[in-house]
């Protein structure tokens, strides 16, 4: 049994479950690339049909921020791109296609084609990079004998691919995507399933994520600790919020 030192508290733990996007990898680098690809293709499909697509609507579709050239350079941690399932993200864009003048069937077909094109570009470019300090923290946890897993709103196949691109897939004994459960975050299903597969008690597990969706999943499953990586002003439900994994390395794991 190892311990995670949080201030004056030392909590016995068996496992750490990580969110993927925005926690292990840089959300803006990867999903910014993906979002730009999807929106460019979507715009072209609508234009080919003589339908409008206002640029100022784009930030409101998935909760994204953009630079002067229209490229995504940030996101709302409370928004659908950060917290939603992929099916929810698809449905939102489909609705915008319908709103622009497509039939619902046409919108579904166009959105799926845009997503396929973006996925092709992603596989070619592989725009992923781990957040600073991630690998060192994973190595520390492995050295202390902690079991580790990933619970993500992404689909399992995509999640495995992204972990492989970063070269960190070997750290995790289980990867649970939203396609493996009936309810995704913020419900507890993914965390409960991951702990069951690892053979550990949820009450002796820690969840590390970057949104309140991650924190609520951990709370409802009764995990030992809820740790957020990000801006403390934007995450309200964590037991502890750090700005980077470097801070977690300072906290330390003992065992």
Protein backbone atom coordinates (compact mmCIF):
# COMPACT_ATOMS: atom_id res chain seq x y z
CA UNK A 1 0.00 0.00 0.00
CA UNK A 2 1.32 3.45 -0.93
CA UNK A 3 0.40 6.85 0.42
CA UNK A 4 -0.29 10.17 -1.26
CA UNK A 5 0.78 13.10 0.91
CA UNK A 6 -1.68 15.99 0.77
CA UNK A 7 -0.71 18.74 3.14
CA UNK A 8 -0.81 17.24 6.62
CA UNK A 9 -2.73 14.19 5.46
CA UNK A 10 -1.29 10.90 4.24
CA UNK A 11 -3.90 8.78 2.50
CA UNK A 12 -3.36 5.04 1.85
CA UNK A 13 -4.09 4.31 -1.81
CA UNK A 14 -3.90 1.39 -4.19
CA UNK A 15 -4.54 3.05 -7.53
CA UNK A 16 -4.71 6.32 -9.42
CA UNK A 17 -7.23 6.85 -12.22
CA UNK A 18 -6.44 9.59 -14.71
CA UNK A 19 -8.60 11.52 -17.11
CA UNK A 20 -6.90 11.74 -20.51
CA UNK A 21 -7.64 15.00 -22.32
CA UNK A 22 -6.45 18.07 -20.47
CA UNK A 23 -4.93 15.90 -17.74
CA UNK A 24 -2.40 13.58 -19.35
CA UNK A 25 -2.19 15.40 -22.67
CA UNK A 26 -2.40 19.02 -23.77
CA UNK A 27 -6.07 19.50 -24.63
CA UNK A 28 -5.63 22.56 -26.83
CA UNK A 29 -2.83 21.07 -28.93
CA UNK A 30 -4.77 17.96 -29.89
CA UNK A 31 -8.42 19.00 -29.77
CA UNK A 32 -7.57 22.41 -31.21
CA UNK A 33 -6.17 20.68 -34.28
CA UNK A 34 -9.20 18.39 -34.46
CA UNK A 35 -11.71 21.20 -33.95
CA UNK A 36 -10.12 23.38 -36.63
CA UNK A 37 -10.26 20.47 -39.10
CA UNK A 38 -13.89 19.66 -38.35
CA UNK A 39 -15.08 23.27 -38.50
CA UNK A 40 -13.24 24.00 -41.73
CA UNK A 41 -14.77 20.94 -43.39
CA UNK A 42 -18.20 21.75 -41.97
CA UNK A 43 -18.00 25.32 -43.27
CA UNK A 44 -17.05 24.10 -46.74
CA UNK A 45 -19.91 21.58 -46.83
CA UNK A 46 -22.45 24.25 -45.90
CA UNK A 47 -20.99 26.77 -48.37
CA UNK A 48 -21.24 24.20 -51.18
CA UNK A 49 -24.95 24.07 -50.48
CA UNK A 50 -25.35 27.83 -50.26
CA UNK A 51 -25.99 27.74 -46.53
CA UNK A 52 -24.64 30.26 -43.98
CA UNK A 53 -22.24 29.49 -41.17
CA UNK A 54 -21.42 32.52 -39.03
CA UNK A 55 -17.85 32.58 -37.71
CA UNK A 56 -18.97 34.16 -34.46
CA UNK A 57 -21.11 31.10 -33.71
CA UNK A 58 -18.17 28.68 -33.63
CA UNK A 59 -17.04 29.39 -30.04
CA UNK A 60 -20.56 28.69 -28.78
CA UNK A 61 -20.92 25.30 -30.48
CA UNK A 62 -18.51 23.33 -28.30
CA UNK A 63 -17.26 25.93 -25.82
CA UNK A 64 -14.00 26.93 -27.52
CA UNK A 65 -11.77 30.03 -27.70
CA UNK A 66 -10.14 31.25 -30.91
CA UNK A 67 -7.36 33.58 -32.07
CA UNK A 68 -7.68 36.32 -34.68
CA UNK A 69 -7.19 33.78 -37.48
CA UNK A 70 -10.05 31.68 -36.13
CA UNK A 71 -7.84 28.89 -34.79
CA UNK A 72 -8.80 27.29 -31.50
CA UNK A 73 -6.42 28.37 -28.75
CA UNK A 74 -8.40 27.57 -25.61
CA UNK A 75 -11.56 26.02 -24.23
CA UNK A 76 -14.17 26.27 -21.51
CA UNK A 77 -13.54 23.49 -18.97
CA UNK A 78 -17.29 23.58 -18.26
CA UNK A 79 -18.22 23.13 -21.92
CA UNK A 80 -19.26 20.18 -24.08
CA UNK A 81 -15.90 19.69 -25.80
CA UNK A 82 -14.19 19.38 -22.42
CA UNK A 83 -16.86 17.38 -20.60
CA UNK A 84 -19.14 15.78 -23.18
CA UNK A 85 -19.02 12.37 -24.78
CA UNK A 86 -18.09 12.14 -28.45
CA UNK A 87 -21.70 11.30 -29.32
CA UNK A 88 -22.83 14.47 -27.56
CA UNK A 89 -20.24 16.52 -29.44
CA UNK A 90 -21.42 15.02 -32.74
CA UNK A 91 -25.06 15.70 -31.90
CA UNK A 92 -24.41 19.35 -31.10
CA UNK A 93 -22.77 19.96 -34.47
CA UNK A 94 -25.54 18.03 -36.22
CA UNK A 95 -28.07 20.37 -34.62
CA UNK A 96 -26.14 23.36 -35.96
CA UNK A 97 -26.28 21.84 -39.43
CA UNK A 98 -30.05 21.45 -39.09
CA UNK A 99 -30.27 25.02 -37.80
CA UNK A 100 -28.35 26.25 -40.85
CA UNK A 101 -30.91 24.68 -43.19
CA UNK A 102 -29.99 21.02 -43.65
CA UNK A 103 -32.41 18.21 -42.98
CA UNK A 104 -31.52 16.22 -39.86
CA UNK A 105 -30.47 13.28 -42.04
CA UNK A 106 -28.25 15.48 -44.24
CA UNK A 107 -26.70 17.08 -41.18
CA UNK A 108 -25.84 13.68 -39.68
CA UNK A 109 -24.20 12.51 -42.90
CA UNK A 110 -22.18 15.71 -43.30
CA UNK A 111 -21.02 15.75 -39.70
CA UNK A 112 -19.86 12.13 -39.90
CA UNK A 113 -17.91 12.89 -43.08
CA UNK A 114 -16.29 15.93 -41.46
CA UNK A 115 -15.30 13.80 -38.48
CA UNK A 116 -13.80 11.11 -40.68
CA UNK A 117 -11.70 13.71 -42.49
CA UNK A 118 -10.53 15.18 -39.20
CA UNK A 119 -9.67 11.72 -37.89
CA UNK A 120 -7.62 11.02 -41.01
CA UNK A 121 -5.69 14.27 -40.49
CA UNK A 122 -5.16 13.43 -36.81
CA UNK A 123 -3.71 10.01 -37.62
CA UNK A 124 -1.37 11.60 -40.13
CA UNK A 125 -0.13 14.50 -37.97
CA UNK A 126 -0.48 12.96 -34.48
CA UNK A 127 -0.84 16.33 -32.70
CA UNK A 128 -0.44 15.10 -29.14
CA UNK A 129 1.94 15.97 -26.36
CA UNK A 130 1.90 15.07 -22.66
CA UNK A 131 1.53 17.89 -20.19
CA UNK A 132 4.70 18.93 -18.35
CA UNK A 133 5.61 16.59 -15.52
CA UNK A 134 3.24 13.81 -16.57
CA UNK A 135 5.84 11.18 -17.42
CA UNK A 136 7.88 11.87 -14.27
CA UNK A 137 4.74 11.55 -12.10
CA UNK A 138 3.73 8.30 -13.83
CA UNK A 139 7.21 6.92 -13.26
CA UNK A 140 7.06 7.89 -9.58
CA UNK A 141 3.70 6.15 -9.18
CA UNK A 142 4.94 3.03 -10.96
CA UNK A 143 8.08 2.93 -8.81
CA UNK A 144 5.86 2.98 -5.70
CA UNK A 145 3.81 0.04 -6.97
CA UNK A 146 0.59 1.92 -7.61
CA UNK A 147 -1.84 0.59 -10.19
CA UNK A 148 -2.86 3.13 -12.81
CA UNK A 149 -5.70 3.44 -15.26
CA UNK A 150 -7.37 5.92 -17.59
CA UNK A 151 -11.06 6.87 -17.53
CA UNK A 152 -11.97 9.13 -20.42
CA UNK A 153 -14.97 10.68 -22.16
CA UNK A 154 -13.23 9.73 -25.40
CA UNK A 155 -13.84 6.35 -26.99
CA UNK A 156 -11.52 3.56 -25.89
CA UNK A 157 -9.88 2.89 -29.25
CA UNK A 158 -9.02 6.56 -29.73
CA UNK A 159 -7.77 6.85 -26.17
CA UNK A 160 -5.42 3.89 -26.58
CA UNK A 161 -4.09 5.38 -29.81
CA UNK A 162 -3.39 8.76 -28.19
CA UNK A 163 -1.58 7.13 -25.27
CA UNK A 164 0.52 5.13 -27.73
CA UNK A 165 1.40 8.28 -29.68
CA UNK A 166 2.76 9.78 -26.45
CA UNK A 167 4.57 6.56 -25.55
CA UNK A 168 2.91 6.24 -22.13
CA UNK A 169 0.43 3.42 -22.72
CA UNK A 170 2.56 0.90 -20.79
CA UNK A 171 1.93 2.73 -17.50
CA UNK A 172 -1.76 1.80 -17.49
CA UNK A 173 -3.29 -1.58 -16.72
CA UNK A 174 -6.75 -0.49 -17.83
CA UNK A 175 -8.24 2.12 -20.17
CA UNK A 176 -11.98 2.69 -19.96
CA UNK A 177 -13.67 4.89 -22.54
CA UNK A 178 -17.20 6.18 -22.52
CA UNK A 179 -18.18 3.49 -25.06
CA UNK A 180 -17.72 0.80 -22.39
CA UNK A 181 -20.39 2.04 -19.99
CA UNK A 182 -24.03 3.00 -20.04
CA UNK A 183 -23.37 6.40 -18.49
CA UNK A 184 -20.28 8.53 -18.97
CA UNK A 185 -18.95 11.28 -16.74
CA UNK A 186 -20.07 12.76 -14.39
CA UNK A 187 -21.67 9.44 -13.42
CA UNK A 188 -19.48 6.90 -11.55
CA UNK A 189 -19.75 4.01 -14.03
CA UNK A 190 -16.31 4.32 -15.67
CA UNK A 191 -14.48 4.64 -12.38
CA UNK A 192 -16.31 1.70 -10.85
CA UNK A 193 -15.57 -0.46 -13.89
CA UNK A 194 -11.89 0.52 -13.96
CA UNK A 195 -11.43 -0.28 -10.27
CA UNK A 196 -13.22 -3.60 -10.69
CA UNK A 197 -10.92 -4.57 -13.57
CA UNK A 198 -7.82 -3.57 -11.60
CA UNK A 199 -9.01 -5.46 -8.53
CA UNK A 200 -8.82 -2.43 -6.25
CA UNK A 201 -11.26 -0.74 -3.89
CA UNK A 202 -12.70 2.56 -5.13
CA UNK A 203 -12.32 3.88 -1.59
CA UNK A 204 -8.56 3.45 -1.93
CA UNK A 205 -8.27 5.10 -5.33
CA UNK A 206 -7.49 8.64 -6.37
CA UNK A 207 -8.93 10.41 -9.41
CA UNK A 208 -6.89 13.04 -11.23
CA UNK A 209 -8.71 15.13 -13.83
CA UNK A 210 -9.17 18.65 -15.15
CA UNK A 211 -12.93 19.26 -14.92
CA UNK A 212 -15.71 19.14 -12.38
CA UNK A 213 -17.10 16.25 -14.41
CA UNK A 214 -14.09 14.21 -13.32
CA UNK A 215 -14.49 15.37 -9.73
CA UNK A 216 -18.21 14.53 -9.62
CA UNK A 217 -17.49 11.07 -11.04
CA UNK A 218 -15.01 10.52 -8.22
CA UNK A 219 -17.37 11.89 -5.56
CA UNK A 220 -20.32 9.77 -6.63
CA UNK A 221 -18.13 6.63 -6.73
CA UNK A 222 -16.69 7.49 -3.28
CA UNK A 223 -13.06 7.66 -4.33
CA UNK A 224 -10.54 8.54 -1.62
CA UNK A 225 -9.40 11.80 -3.23
CA UNK A 226 -10.39 14.08 -6.08
CA UNK A 227 -7.42 15.98 -7.50
CA UNK A 228 -7.71 18.52 -10.30
CA UNK A 229 -4.97 19.83 -12.57
CA UNK A 230 -5.79 23.32 -13.79
CA UNK A 231 -7.05 26.71 -12.68
CA UNK A 232 -8.41 26.60 -9.10
CA UNK A 233 -10.97 29.29 -9.99
CA UNK A 234 -12.57 27.07 -12.63
CA UNK A 235 -12.76 23.80 -10.69
CA UNK A 236 -14.97 23.78 -7.62
CA UNK A 237 -15.46 20.13 -6.63
CA UNK A 238 -11.90 18.91 -6.08
CA UNK A 239 -10.25 18.13 -2.76
CA UNK A 240 -7.05 19.60 -4.13
CA UNK A 241 -6.31 21.61 -7.27
CA UNK A 242 -2.77 21.99 -8.60
CA UNK A 243 -1.67 23.95 -11.63
CA UNK A 244 0.68 21.26 -12.93
CA UNK A 245 2.05 17.80 -12.32
CA UNK A 246 5.21 19.44 -11.03
CA UNK A 247 3.21 20.37 -7.93
CA UNK A 248 2.06 16.77 -7.54
CA UNK A 249 5.66 15.63 -7.79
CA UNK A 250 6.43 17.93 -4.88
CA UNK A 251 3.52 16.47 -2.90
CA UNK A 252 4.94 13.04 -3.58
CA UNK A 253 3.91 9.41 -3.30
CA UNK A 254 5.43 7.32 -0.53
CA UNK A 255 5.29 3.63 0.14
